[in-house]
Full PDB file with SEQRES, HELIX, SHEET, SSBOND, CRYST1, ORIGX, SCALE, CONECT and MASTER records, all heavy atoms in Angstrom:
SEQRES   1 A   36  GLY ASP PRO ASP LEU LEU LEU ASN LEU ALA SER VAL TYR          
SEQRES   2 A   36  ARG HIS THR GLY ARG VAL SER GLU ALA ARG SER LEU TYR          
SEQRES   3 A   36  ARG ALA VAL LEU ALA ARG PRO ASP GLU MET                      
HELIX    1 AA1 PRO A    3  HIS A   15  1                                  13    
HELIX    2 AA2 VAL A   19  ALA A   31  1                                  13    
CRYST1    1.000    1.000    1.000  90.00  90.00  90.00 P 1           1          
ORIGX1      1.000000  0.000000  0.000000        0.00000                         
ORIGX2      0.000000  1.000000  0.000000        0.00000                         
ORIGX3      0.000000  0.000000  1.000000        0.00000                         
SCALE1      1.000000  0.000000  0.000000        0.00000                         
SCALE2      0.000000  1.000000  0.000000        0.00000                         
SCALE3      0.000000  0.000000  1.000000        0.00000                         
ATOM      1  N   GLY A   1      -8.885   4.016  -3.279  1.00  0.00           N  
ATOM      2  CA  GLY A   1      -8.125   3.226  -4.238  1.00  0.00           C  
ATOM      3  C   GLY A   1      -7.039   3.989  -4.969  1.00  0.00           C  
ATOM      4  O   GLY A   1      -6.372   3.433  -5.831  1.00  0.00           O  
ATOM      5  N   ASP A   2      -6.830   5.253  -4.628  1.00  0.00           N  
ATOM      6  CA  ASP A   2      -5.779   6.028  -5.278  1.00  0.00           C  
ATOM      7  C   ASP A   2      -4.431   5.384  -4.945  1.00  0.00           C  
ATOM      8  O   ASP A   2      -4.085   5.234  -3.773  1.00  0.00           O  
ATOM      9  CB  ASP A   2      -5.825   7.474  -4.781  1.00  0.00           C  
ATOM     10  CG  ASP A   2      -4.896   8.364  -5.571  1.00  0.00           C  
ATOM     11  OD1 ASP A   2      -3.677   8.288  -5.350  1.00  0.00           O  
ATOM     12  OD2 ASP A   2      -5.385   9.120  -6.419  1.00  0.00           O  
ATOM     13  N   PRO A   3      -3.660   4.991  -5.949  1.00  0.00           N  
ATOM     14  CA  PRO A   3      -2.448   4.214  -5.668  1.00  0.00           C  
ATOM     15  C   PRO A   3      -1.395   4.936  -4.843  1.00  0.00           C  
ATOM     16  O   PRO A   3      -0.735   4.315  -4.022  1.00  0.00           O  
ATOM     17  CB  PRO A   3      -1.909   3.853  -7.055  1.00  0.00           C  
ATOM     18  CG  PRO A   3      -2.560   4.791  -7.991  1.00  0.00           C  
ATOM     19  CD  PRO A   3      -3.868   5.188  -7.375  1.00  0.00           C  
ATOM     20  N   ASP A   4      -1.215   6.236  -5.047  1.00  0.00           N  
ATOM     21  CA  ASP A   4      -0.189   6.905  -4.246  1.00  0.00           C  
ATOM     22  C   ASP A   4      -0.589   6.990  -2.785  1.00  0.00           C  
ATOM     23  O   ASP A   4       0.245   6.878  -1.890  1.00  0.00           O  
ATOM     24  CB  ASP A   4       0.180   8.277  -4.804  1.00  0.00           C  
ATOM     25  CG  ASP A   4      -0.902   9.292  -4.653  1.00  0.00           C  
ATOM     26  OD1 ASP A   4      -2.031   8.987  -5.038  1.00  0.00           O  
ATOM     27  OD2 ASP A   4      -0.630  10.389  -4.143  1.00  0.00           O  
ATOM     28  N   LEU A   5      -1.887   7.150  -2.530  1.00  0.00           N  
ATOM     29  CA  LEU A   5      -2.350   7.151  -1.138  1.00  0.00           C  
ATOM     30  C   LEU A   5      -2.171   5.768  -0.518  1.00  0.00           C  
ATOM     31  O   LEU A   5      -1.725   5.645   0.629  1.00  0.00           O  
ATOM     32  CB  LEU A   5      -3.810   7.592  -1.059  1.00  0.00           C  
ATOM     33  CG  LEU A   5      -4.085   9.044  -1.476  1.00  0.00           C  
ATOM     34  CD1 LEU A   5      -5.583   9.307  -1.535  1.00  0.00           C  
ATOM     35  CD2 LEU A   5      -3.394  10.020  -0.537  1.00  0.00           C  
ATOM     36  N   LEU A   6      -2.493   4.734  -1.274  1.00  0.00           N  
ATOM     37  CA  LEU A   6      -2.312   3.365  -0.769  1.00  0.00           C  
ATOM     38  C   LEU A   6      -0.839   3.077  -0.506  1.00  0.00           C  
ATOM     39  O   LEU A   6      -0.488   2.492   0.525  1.00  0.00           O  
ATOM     40  CB  LEU A   6      -2.882   2.342  -1.755  1.00  0.00           C  
ATOM     41  CG  LEU A   6      -4.385   2.372  -1.978  1.00  0.00           C  
ATOM     42  CD1 LEU A   6      -4.782   1.392  -3.081  1.00  0.00           C  
ATOM     43  CD2 LEU A   6      -5.136   2.075  -0.698  1.00  0.00           C  
ATOM     44  N   LEU A   7       0.025   3.498  -1.424  1.00  0.00           N  
ATOM     45  CA  LEU A   7       1.460   3.275  -1.243  1.00  0.00           C  
ATOM     46  C   LEU A   7       1.995   4.045  -0.038  1.00  0.00           C  
ATOM     47  O   LEU A   7       2.791   3.512   0.743  1.00  0.00           O  
ATOM     48  CB  LEU A   7       2.219   3.681  -2.506  1.00  0.00           C  
ATOM     49  CG  LEU A   7       2.052   2.752  -3.702  1.00  0.00           C  
ATOM     50  CD1 LEU A   7       2.556   3.419  -4.975  1.00  0.00           C  
ATOM     51  CD2 LEU A   7       2.738   1.422  -3.468  1.00  0.00           C  
ATOM     52  N   ASN A   8       1.551   5.282   0.126  1.00  0.00           N  
ATOM     53  CA  ASN A   8       2.026   6.064   1.268  1.00  0.00           C  
ATOM     54  C   ASN A   8       1.484   5.516   2.586  1.00  0.00           C  
ATOM     55  O   ASN A   8       2.203   5.478   3.592  1.00  0.00           O  
ATOM     56  CB  ASN A   8       1.680   7.535   1.107  1.00  0.00           C  
ATOM     57  CG  ASN A   8       2.602   8.234   0.132  1.00  0.00           C  
ATOM     58  OD1 ASN A   8       3.592   7.668  -0.325  1.00  0.00           O  
ATOM     59  ND2 ASN A   8       2.289   9.455  -0.204  1.00  0.00           N  
ATOM     60  N   LEU A   9       0.232   5.060   2.597  1.00  0.00           N  
ATOM     61  CA  LEU A   9      -0.308   4.461   3.815  1.00  0.00           C  
ATOM     62  C   LEU A   9       0.429   3.161   4.131  1.00  0.00           C  
ATOM     63  O   LEU A   9       0.734   2.881   5.301  1.00  0.00           O  
ATOM     64  CB  LEU A   9      -1.817   4.224   3.682  1.00  0.00           C  
ATOM     65  CG  LEU A   9      -2.530   3.760   4.946  1.00  0.00           C  
ATOM     66  CD1 LEU A   9      -2.311   4.734   6.112  1.00  0.00           C  
ATOM     67  CD2 LEU A   9      -4.015   3.586   4.669  1.00  0.00           C  
ATOM     68  N   ALA A  10       0.751   2.396   3.106  1.00  0.00           N  
ATOM     69  CA  ALA A  10       1.540   1.177   3.319  1.00  0.00           C  
ATOM     70  C   ALA A  10       2.897   1.525   3.925  1.00  0.00           C  
ATOM     71  O   ALA A  10       3.384   0.830   4.821  1.00  0.00           O  
ATOM     72  CB  ALA A  10       1.716   0.423   2.005  1.00  0.00           C  
ATOM     73  N   SER A  11       3.492   2.613   3.470  1.00  0.00           N  
ATOM     74  CA  SER A  11       4.770   3.056   4.027  1.00  0.00           C  
ATOM     75  C   SER A  11       4.626   3.418   5.507  1.00  0.00           C  
ATOM     76  O   SER A  11       5.475   3.064   6.332  1.00  0.00           O  
ATOM     77  CB  SER A  11       5.289   4.254   3.232  1.00  0.00           C  
ATOM     78  OG  SER A  11       6.504   4.715   3.756  1.00  0.00           O  
ATOM     79  N   VAL A  12       3.545   4.101   5.851  1.00  0.00           N  
ATOM     80  CA  VAL A  12       3.286   4.436   7.259  1.00  0.00           C  
ATOM     81  C   VAL A  12       3.156   3.147   8.070  1.00  0.00           C  
ATOM     82  O   VAL A  12       3.770   3.014   9.137  1.00  0.00           O  
ATOM     83  CB  VAL A  12       2.010   5.298   7.400  1.00  0.00           C  
ATOM     84  CG1 VAL A  12       1.565   5.392   8.855  1.00  0.00           C  
ATOM     85  CG2 VAL A  12       2.240   6.689   6.829  1.00  0.00           C  
ATOM     86  N   TYR A  13       2.364   2.216   7.573  1.00  0.00           N  
ATOM     87  CA  TYR A  13       2.181   0.951   8.292  1.00  0.00           C  
ATOM     88  C   TYR A  13       3.508   0.220   8.456  1.00  0.00           C  
ATOM     89  O   TYR A  13       3.808  -0.312   9.521  1.00  0.00           O  
ATOM     90  CB  TYR A  13       1.182   0.056   7.555  1.00  0.00           C  
ATOM     91  CG  TYR A  13      -0.260   0.507   7.646  1.00  0.00           C  
ATOM     92  CD1 TYR A  13      -1.205  -0.015   6.784  1.00  0.00           C  
ATOM     93  CD2 TYR A  13      -0.685   1.455   8.569  1.00  0.00           C  
ATOM     94  CE1 TYR A  13      -2.539   0.380   6.853  1.00  0.00           C  
ATOM     95  CE2 TYR A  13      -2.004   1.854   8.637  1.00  0.00           C  
ATOM     96  CZ  TYR A  13      -2.926   1.312   7.784  1.00  0.00           C  
ATOM     97  OH  TYR A  13      -4.241   1.702   7.851  1.00  0.00           O  
ATOM     98  N   ARG A  14       4.293   0.208   7.412  1.00  0.00           N  
ATOM     99  CA  ARG A  14       5.588  -0.474   7.469  1.00  0.00           C  
ATOM    100  C   ARG A  14       6.500   0.154   8.525  1.00  0.00           C  
ATOM    101  O   ARG A  14       7.141  -0.545   9.295  1.00  0.00           O  
ATOM    102  CB  ARG A  14       6.224  -0.404   6.082  1.00  0.00           C  
ATOM    103  CG  ARG A  14       7.507  -1.140   5.975  1.00  0.00           C  
ATOM    104  CD  ARG A  14       8.003  -1.090   4.554  1.00  0.00           C  
ATOM    105  NE  ARG A  14       9.257  -1.777   4.438  1.00  0.00           N  
ATOM    106  CZ  ARG A  14       9.926  -1.872   3.331  1.00  0.00           C  
ATOM    107  NH1 ARG A  14       9.457  -1.346   2.229  1.00  0.00           N  
ATOM    108  NH2 ARG A  14      11.076  -2.510   3.298  1.00  0.00           N  
ATOM    109  N   HIS A  15       6.539   1.474   8.556  1.00  0.00           N  
ATOM    110  CA  HIS A  15       7.408   2.171   9.510  1.00  0.00           C  
ATOM    111  C   HIS A  15       6.892   2.090  10.951  1.00  0.00           C  
ATOM    112  O   HIS A  15       7.646   2.369  11.882  1.00  0.00           O  
ATOM    113  CB  HIS A  15       7.573   3.636   9.106  1.00  0.00           C  
ATOM    114  CG  HIS A  15       8.521   3.820   7.976  1.00  0.00           C  
ATOM    115  ND1 HIS A  15       8.100   3.913   6.663  1.00  0.00           N  
ATOM    116  CD2 HIS A  15       9.868   3.901   7.951  1.00  0.00           C  
ATOM    117  CE1 HIS A  15       9.149   4.049   5.893  1.00  0.00           C  
ATOM    118  NE2 HIS A  15      10.232   4.046   6.638  1.00  0.00           N  
ATOM    119  N   THR A  16       5.638   1.757  11.120  1.00  0.00           N  
ATOM    120  CA  THR A  16       5.078   1.682  12.474  1.00  0.00           C  
ATOM    121  C   THR A  16       4.829   0.234  12.900  1.00  0.00           C  
ATOM    122  O   THR A  16       4.055  -0.017  13.817  1.00  0.00           O  
ATOM    123  CB  THR A  16       3.783   2.513  12.574  1.00  0.00           C  
ATOM    124  OG1 THR A  16       2.837   2.064  11.595  1.00  0.00           O  
ATOM    125  CG2 THR A  16       4.064   3.994  12.373  1.00  0.00           C  
ATOM    126  N   GLY A  17       5.483  -0.703  12.217  1.00  0.00           N  
ATOM    127  CA  GLY A  17       5.448  -2.097  12.634  1.00  0.00           C  
ATOM    128  C   GLY A  17       4.211  -2.877  12.232  1.00  0.00           C  
ATOM    129  O   GLY A  17       4.023  -4.000  12.692  1.00  0.00           O  
ATOM    130  N   ARG A  18       3.378  -2.316  11.384  1.00  0.00           N  
ATOM    131  CA  ARG A  18       2.171  -3.020  10.936  1.00  0.00           C  
ATOM    132  C   ARG A  18       2.433  -3.642   9.562  1.00  0.00           C  
ATOM    133  O   ARG A  18       1.868  -3.261   8.553  1.00  0.00           O  
ATOM    134  CB  ARG A  18       0.979  -2.068  10.918  1.00  0.00           C  
ATOM    135  CG  ARG A  18       0.628  -1.577  12.330  1.00  0.00           C  
ATOM    136  CD  ARG A  18      -0.461  -0.554  12.324  1.00  0.00           C  
ATOM    137  NE  ARG A  18       0.132   0.757  12.045  1.00  0.00           N  
ATOM    138  CZ  ARG A  18      -0.568   1.865  11.900  1.00  0.00           C  
ATOM    139  NH1 ARG A  18      -1.885   1.844  11.962  1.00  0.00           N  
ATOM    140  NH2 ARG A  18       0.033   3.011  11.666  1.00  0.00           N  
ATOM    141  N   VAL A  19       3.317  -4.627   9.583  1.00  0.00           N  
ATOM    142  CA  VAL A  19       3.839  -5.220   8.355  1.00  0.00           C  
ATOM    143  C   VAL A  19       2.757  -5.929   7.545  1.00  0.00           C  
ATOM    144  O   VAL A  19       2.693  -5.780   6.324  1.00  0.00           O  
ATOM    145  CB  VAL A  19       5.008  -6.168   8.680  1.00  0.00           C  
ATOM    146  CG1 VAL A  19       5.522  -6.864   7.439  1.00  0.00           C  
ATOM    147  CG2 VAL A  19       6.124  -5.397   9.371  1.00  0.00           C  
ATOM    148  N   SER A  20       1.893  -6.689   8.196  1.00  0.00           N  
ATOM    149  CA  SER A  20       0.864  -7.405   7.435  1.00  0.00           C  
ATOM    150  C   SER A  20      -0.116  -6.429   6.778  1.00  0.00           C  
ATOM    151  O   SER A  20      -0.550  -6.652   5.640  1.00  0.00           O  
ATOM    152  CB  SER A  20       0.126  -8.423   8.304  1.00  0.00           C  
ATOM    153  OG  SER A  20      -0.512  -7.797   9.377  1.00  0.00           O  
ATOM    154  N   GLU A  21      -0.433  -5.318   7.437  1.00  0.00           N  
ATOM    155  CA  GLU A  21      -1.296  -4.307   6.846  1.00  0.00           C  
ATOM    156  C   GLU A  21      -0.606  -3.646   5.653  1.00  0.00           C  
ATOM    157  O   GLU A  21      -1.242  -3.370   4.623  1.00  0.00           O  
ATOM    158  CB  GLU A  21      -1.706  -3.244   7.870  1.00  0.00           C  
ATOM    159  CG  GLU A  21      -2.641  -3.746   8.949  1.00  0.00           C  
ATOM    160  CD  GLU A  21      -1.907  -4.250  10.187  1.00  0.00           C  
ATOM    161  OE1 GLU A  21      -0.711  -4.646  10.085  1.00  0.00           O  
ATOM    162  OE2 GLU A  21      -2.514  -4.258  11.259  1.00  0.00           O  
ATOM    163  N   ALA A  22       0.699  -3.404   5.779  1.00  0.00           N  
ATOM    164  CA  ALA A  22       1.466  -2.817   4.676  1.00  0.00           C  
ATOM    165  C   ALA A  22       1.449  -3.754   3.471  1.00  0.00           C  
ATOM    166  O   ALA A  22       1.176  -3.320   2.346  1.00  0.00           O  
ATOM    167  CB  ALA A  22       2.898  -2.534   5.116  1.00  0.00           C  
ATOM    168  N   ARG A  23       1.712  -5.030   3.708  1.00  0.00           N  
ATOM    169  CA  ARG A  23       1.691  -6.005   2.610  1.00  0.00           C  
ATOM    170  C   ARG A  23       0.331  -6.026   1.921  1.00  0.00           C  
ATOM    171  O   ARG A  23       0.245  -6.097   0.695  1.00  0.00           O  
ATOM    172  CB  ARG A  23       2.023  -7.400   3.128  1.00  0.00           C  
ATOM    173  CG  ARG A  23       3.472  -7.644   3.325  1.00  0.00           C  
ATOM    174  CD  ARG A  23       3.733  -9.151   3.535  1.00  0.00           C  
ATOM    175  NE  ARG A  23       5.125  -9.338   3.832  1.00  0.00           N  
ATOM    176  CZ  ARG A  23       5.623  -9.551   5.048  1.00  0.00           C  
ATOM    177  NH1 ARG A  23       4.822  -9.633   6.080  1.00  0.00           N  
ATOM    178  NH2 ARG A  23       6.914  -9.703   5.220  1.00  0.00           N  
ATOM    179  N   SER A  24      -0.718  -5.983   2.709  1.00  0.00           N  
ATOM    180  CA  SER A  24      -2.070  -5.996   2.158  1.00  0.00           C  
ATOM    181  C   SER A  24      -2.307  -4.804   1.235  1.00  0.00           C  
ATOM    182  O   SER A  24      -2.906  -4.943   0.157  1.00  0.00           O  
ATOM    183  CB  SER A  24      -3.087  -6.005   3.302  1.00  0.00           C  
ATOM    184  OG  SER A  24      -4.388  -5.962   2.807  1.00  0.00           O  
ATOM    185  N   LEU A  25      -1.829  -3.634   1.634  1.00  0.00           N  
ATOM    186  CA  LEU A  25      -2.008  -2.447   0.793  1.00  0.00           C  
ATOM    187  C   LEU A  25      -1.153  -2.523  -0.471  1.00  0.00           C  
ATOM    188  O   LEU A  25      -1.612  -2.132  -1.553  1.00  0.00           O  
ATOM    189  CB  LEU A  25      -1.692  -1.177   1.581  1.00  0.00           C  
ATOM    190  CG  LEU A  25      -2.737  -0.787   2.611  1.00  0.00           C  
ATOM    191  CD1 LEU A  25      -2.280   0.433   3.402  1.00  0.00           C  
ATOM    192  CD2 LEU A  25      -4.080  -0.511   1.955  1.00  0.00           C  
ATOM    193  N   TYR A  26       0.073  -3.024  -0.361  1.00  0.00           N  
ATOM    194  CA  TYR A  26       0.905  -3.183  -1.560  1.00  0.00           C  
ATOM    195  C   TYR A  26       0.225  -4.147  -2.531  1.00  0.00           C  
ATOM    196  O   TYR A  26       0.201  -3.914  -3.741  1.00  0.00           O  
ATOM    197  CB  TYR A  26       2.303  -3.677  -1.210  1.00  0.00           C  
ATOM    198  CG  TYR A  26       3.154  -2.656  -0.494  1.00  0.00           C  
ATOM    199  CD1 TYR A  26       3.842  -2.986   0.670  1.00  0.00           C  
ATOM    200  CD2 TYR A  26       3.301  -1.351  -0.980  1.00  0.00           C  
ATOM    201  CE1 TYR A  26       4.642  -2.057   1.332  1.00  0.00           C  
ATOM    202  CE2 TYR A  26       4.089  -0.417  -0.323  1.00  0.00           C  
ATOM    203  CZ  TYR A  26       4.752  -0.781   0.830  1.00  0.00           C  
ATOM    204  OH  TYR A  26       5.537   0.149   1.474  1.00  0.00           O  
ATOM    205  N   ARG A  27      -0.359  -5.214  -2.006  1.00  0.00           N  
ATOM    206  CA  ARG A  27      -1.069  -6.166  -2.872  1.00  0.00           C  
ATOM    207  C   ARG A  27      -2.322  -5.528  -3.483  1.00  0.00           C  
ATOM    208  O   ARG A  27      -2.677  -5.820  -4.621  1.00  0.00           O  
ATOM    209  CB  ARG A  27      -1.418  -7.422  -2.084  1.00  0.00           C  
ATOM    210  CG  ARG A  27      -0.184  -8.259  -1.775  1.00  0.00           C  
ATOM    211  CD  ARG A  27      -0.528  -9.562  -1.067  1.00  0.00           C  
ATOM    212  NE  ARG A  27       0.676 -10.234  -0.671  1.00  0.00           N  
ATOM    213  CZ  ARG A  27       1.013 -10.528   0.584  1.00  0.00           C  
ATOM    214  NH1 ARG A  27       0.193 -10.223   1.580  1.00  0.00           N  
ATOM    215  NH2 ARG A  27       2.149 -11.142   0.854  1.00  0.00           N  
ATOM    216  N   ALA A  28      -2.983  -4.658  -2.735  1.00  0.00           N  
ATOM    217  CA  ALA A  28      -4.153  -3.953  -3.268  1.00  0.00           C  
ATOM    218  C   ALA A  28      -3.758  -3.066  -4.442  1.00  0.00           C  
ATOM    219  O   ALA A  28      -4.494  -2.967  -5.431  1.00  0.00           O  
ATOM    220  CB  ALA A  28      -4.824  -3.117  -2.169  1.00  0.00           C  
ATOM    221  N   VAL A  29      -2.601  -2.433  -4.360  1.00  0.00           N  
ATOM    222  CA  VAL A  29      -2.103  -1.620  -5.472  1.00  0.00           C  
ATOM    223  C   VAL A  29      -1.881  -2.510  -6.693  1.00  0.00           C  
ATOM    224  O   VAL A  29      -2.251  -2.161  -7.814  1.00  0.00           O  
ATOM    225  CB  VAL A  29      -0.801  -0.873  -5.088  1.00  0.00           C  
ATOM    226  CG1 VAL A  29      -0.138  -0.256  -6.310  1.00  0.00           C  
ATOM    227  CG2 VAL A  29      -1.082   0.179  -4.029  1.00  0.00           C  
ATOM    228  N   LEU A  30      -1.296  -3.681  -6.474  1.00  0.00           N  
ATOM    229  CA  LEU A  30      -1.021  -4.597  -7.584  1.00  0.00           C  
ATOM    230  C   LEU A  30      -2.297  -5.163  -8.206  1.00  0.00           C  
ATOM    231  O   LEU A  30      -2.298  -5.541  -9.381  1.00  0.00           O  
ATOM    232  CB  LEU A  30      -0.111  -5.738  -7.119  1.00  0.00           C  
ATOM    233  CG  LEU A  30       1.309  -5.302  -6.730  1.00  0.00           C  
ATOM    234  CD1 LEU A  30       2.064  -6.467  -6.103  1.00  0.00           C  
ATOM    235  CD2 LEU A  30       2.047  -4.742  -7.932  1.00  0.00           C  
ATOM    236  N   ALA A  31      -3.377  -5.205  -7.446  1.00  0.00           N  
ATOM    237  CA  ALA A  31      -4.645  -5.736  -7.944  1.00  0.00           C  
ATOM    238  C   ALA A  31      -5.391  -4.722  -8.816  1.00  0.00           C  
ATOM    239  O   ALA A  31      -6.317  -5.092  -9.529  1.00  0.00           O  
ATOM    240  CB  ALA A  31      -5.530  -6.164  -6.776  1.00  0.00           C  
ATOM    241  N   ARG A  32      -4.979  -3.476  -8.767  1.00  0.00           N  
ATOM    242  CA  ARG A  32      -5.635  -2.415  -9.535  1.00  0.00           C  
ATOM    243  C   ARG A  32      -4.860  -2.173 -10.835  1.00  0.00           C  
ATOM    244  O   ARG A  32      -3.702  -2.566 -10.944  1.00  0.00           O  
ATOM    245  CB  ARG A  32      -5.663  -1.123  -8.712  1.00  0.00           C  
ATOM    246  CG  ARG A  32      -6.430  -1.271  -7.394  1.00  0.00           C  
ATOM    247  CD  ARG A  32      -6.486   0.019  -6.610  1.00  0.00           C  
ATOM    248  NE  ARG A  32      -6.996   1.141  -7.370  1.00  0.00           N  
ATOM    249  CZ  ARG A  32      -8.287   1.341  -7.631  1.00  0.00           C  
ATOM    250  NH1 ARG A  32      -9.191   0.495  -7.201  1.00  0.00           N  
ATOM    251  NH2 ARG A  32      -8.668   2.400  -8.330  1.00  0.00           N  
ATOM    252  N   PRO A  33      -5.481  -1.494 -11.788  1.00  0.00           N  
ATOM    253  CA  PRO A  33      -4.730  -1.137 -13.007  1.00  0.00           C  
ATOM    254  C   PRO A  33      -3.511  -0.290 -12.648  1.00  0.00           C  
ATOM    255  O   PRO A  33      -3.557   0.522 -11.721  1.00  0.00           O  
ATOM    256  CB  PRO A  33      -5.739  -0.319 -13.815  1.00  0.00           C  
ATOM    257  CG  PRO A  33      -7.080  -0.750 -13.306  1.00  0.00           C  
ATOM    258  CD  PRO A  33      -6.878  -1.079 -11.855  1.00  0.00           C  
ATOM    259  N   ASP A  34      -2.437  -0.508 -13.368  1.00  0.00           N  
ATOM    260  CA  ASP A  34      -1.203   0.217 -13.101  1.00  0.00           C  
ATOM    261  C   ASP A  34      -1.328   1.671 -13.544  1.00  0.00           C  
ATOM    262  O   ASP A  34      -2.061   1.980 -14.485  1.00  0.00           O  
ATOM    263  CB  ASP A  34      -0.046  -0.452 -13.848  1.00  0.00           C  
ATOM    264  CG  ASP A  34       1.300  -0.164 -13.221  1.00  0.00           C  
ATOM    265  OD1 ASP A  34       1.349   0.491 -12.159  1.00  0.00           O  
ATOM    266  OD2 ASP A  34       2.319  -0.607 -13.789  1.00  0.00           O  
ATOM    267  N   GLU A  35      -0.633   2.562 -12.852  1.00  0.00           N  
ATOM    268  CA  GLU A  35      -0.626   3.990 -13.186  1.00  0.00           C  
ATOM    269  C   GLU A  35       0.785   4.530 -13.063  1.00  0.00           C  
ATOM    270  O   GLU A  35       1.547   4.095 -12.206  1.00  0.00           O  
ATOM    271  CB  GLU A  35      -1.519   4.784 -12.222  1.00  0.00           C  
ATOM    272  CG  GLU A  35      -2.985   4.494 -12.340  1.00  0.00           C  
ATOM    273  CD  GLU A  35      -3.825   5.421 -11.473  1.00  0.00           C  
ATOM    274  OE1 GLU A  35      -3.387   6.560 -11.205  1.00  0.00           O  
ATOM    275  OE2 GLU A  35      -4.914   4.995 -11.070  1.00  0.00           O  
ATOM    276  N   MET A  36       1.088   5.504 -13.913  1.00  0.00           N  
ATOM    277  CA  MET A  36       2.349   6.225 -13.768  1.00  0.00           C  
ATOM    278  C   MET A  36       2.232   7.109 -12.531  1.00  0.00           C  
ATOM    279  O   MET A  36       1.183   7.682 -12.272  1.00  0.00           O  
ATOM    280  CB  MET A  36       2.628   7.098 -14.990  1.00  0.00           C  
ATOM    281  CG  MET A  36       2.906   6.314 -16.262  1.00  0.00           C  
ATOM    282  SD  MET A  36       4.354   5.239 -16.144  1.00  0.00           S  
ATOM    283  CE  MET A  36       5.664   6.419 -15.901  1.00  0.00           C  
TER     284      MET A  36                                                      
MASTER        0    0    0    2    0    0    0    6  283    1    0    3          
END                                                                             
């Protein structure tokens, strides 16, 4: 659940054509408390 790991994994998915998986991870970040 670490947000930077989720964001970076979403970036990997996005760059490798796994768009729905990327969206899911971005939404998972939004579902958690916000962090700087």
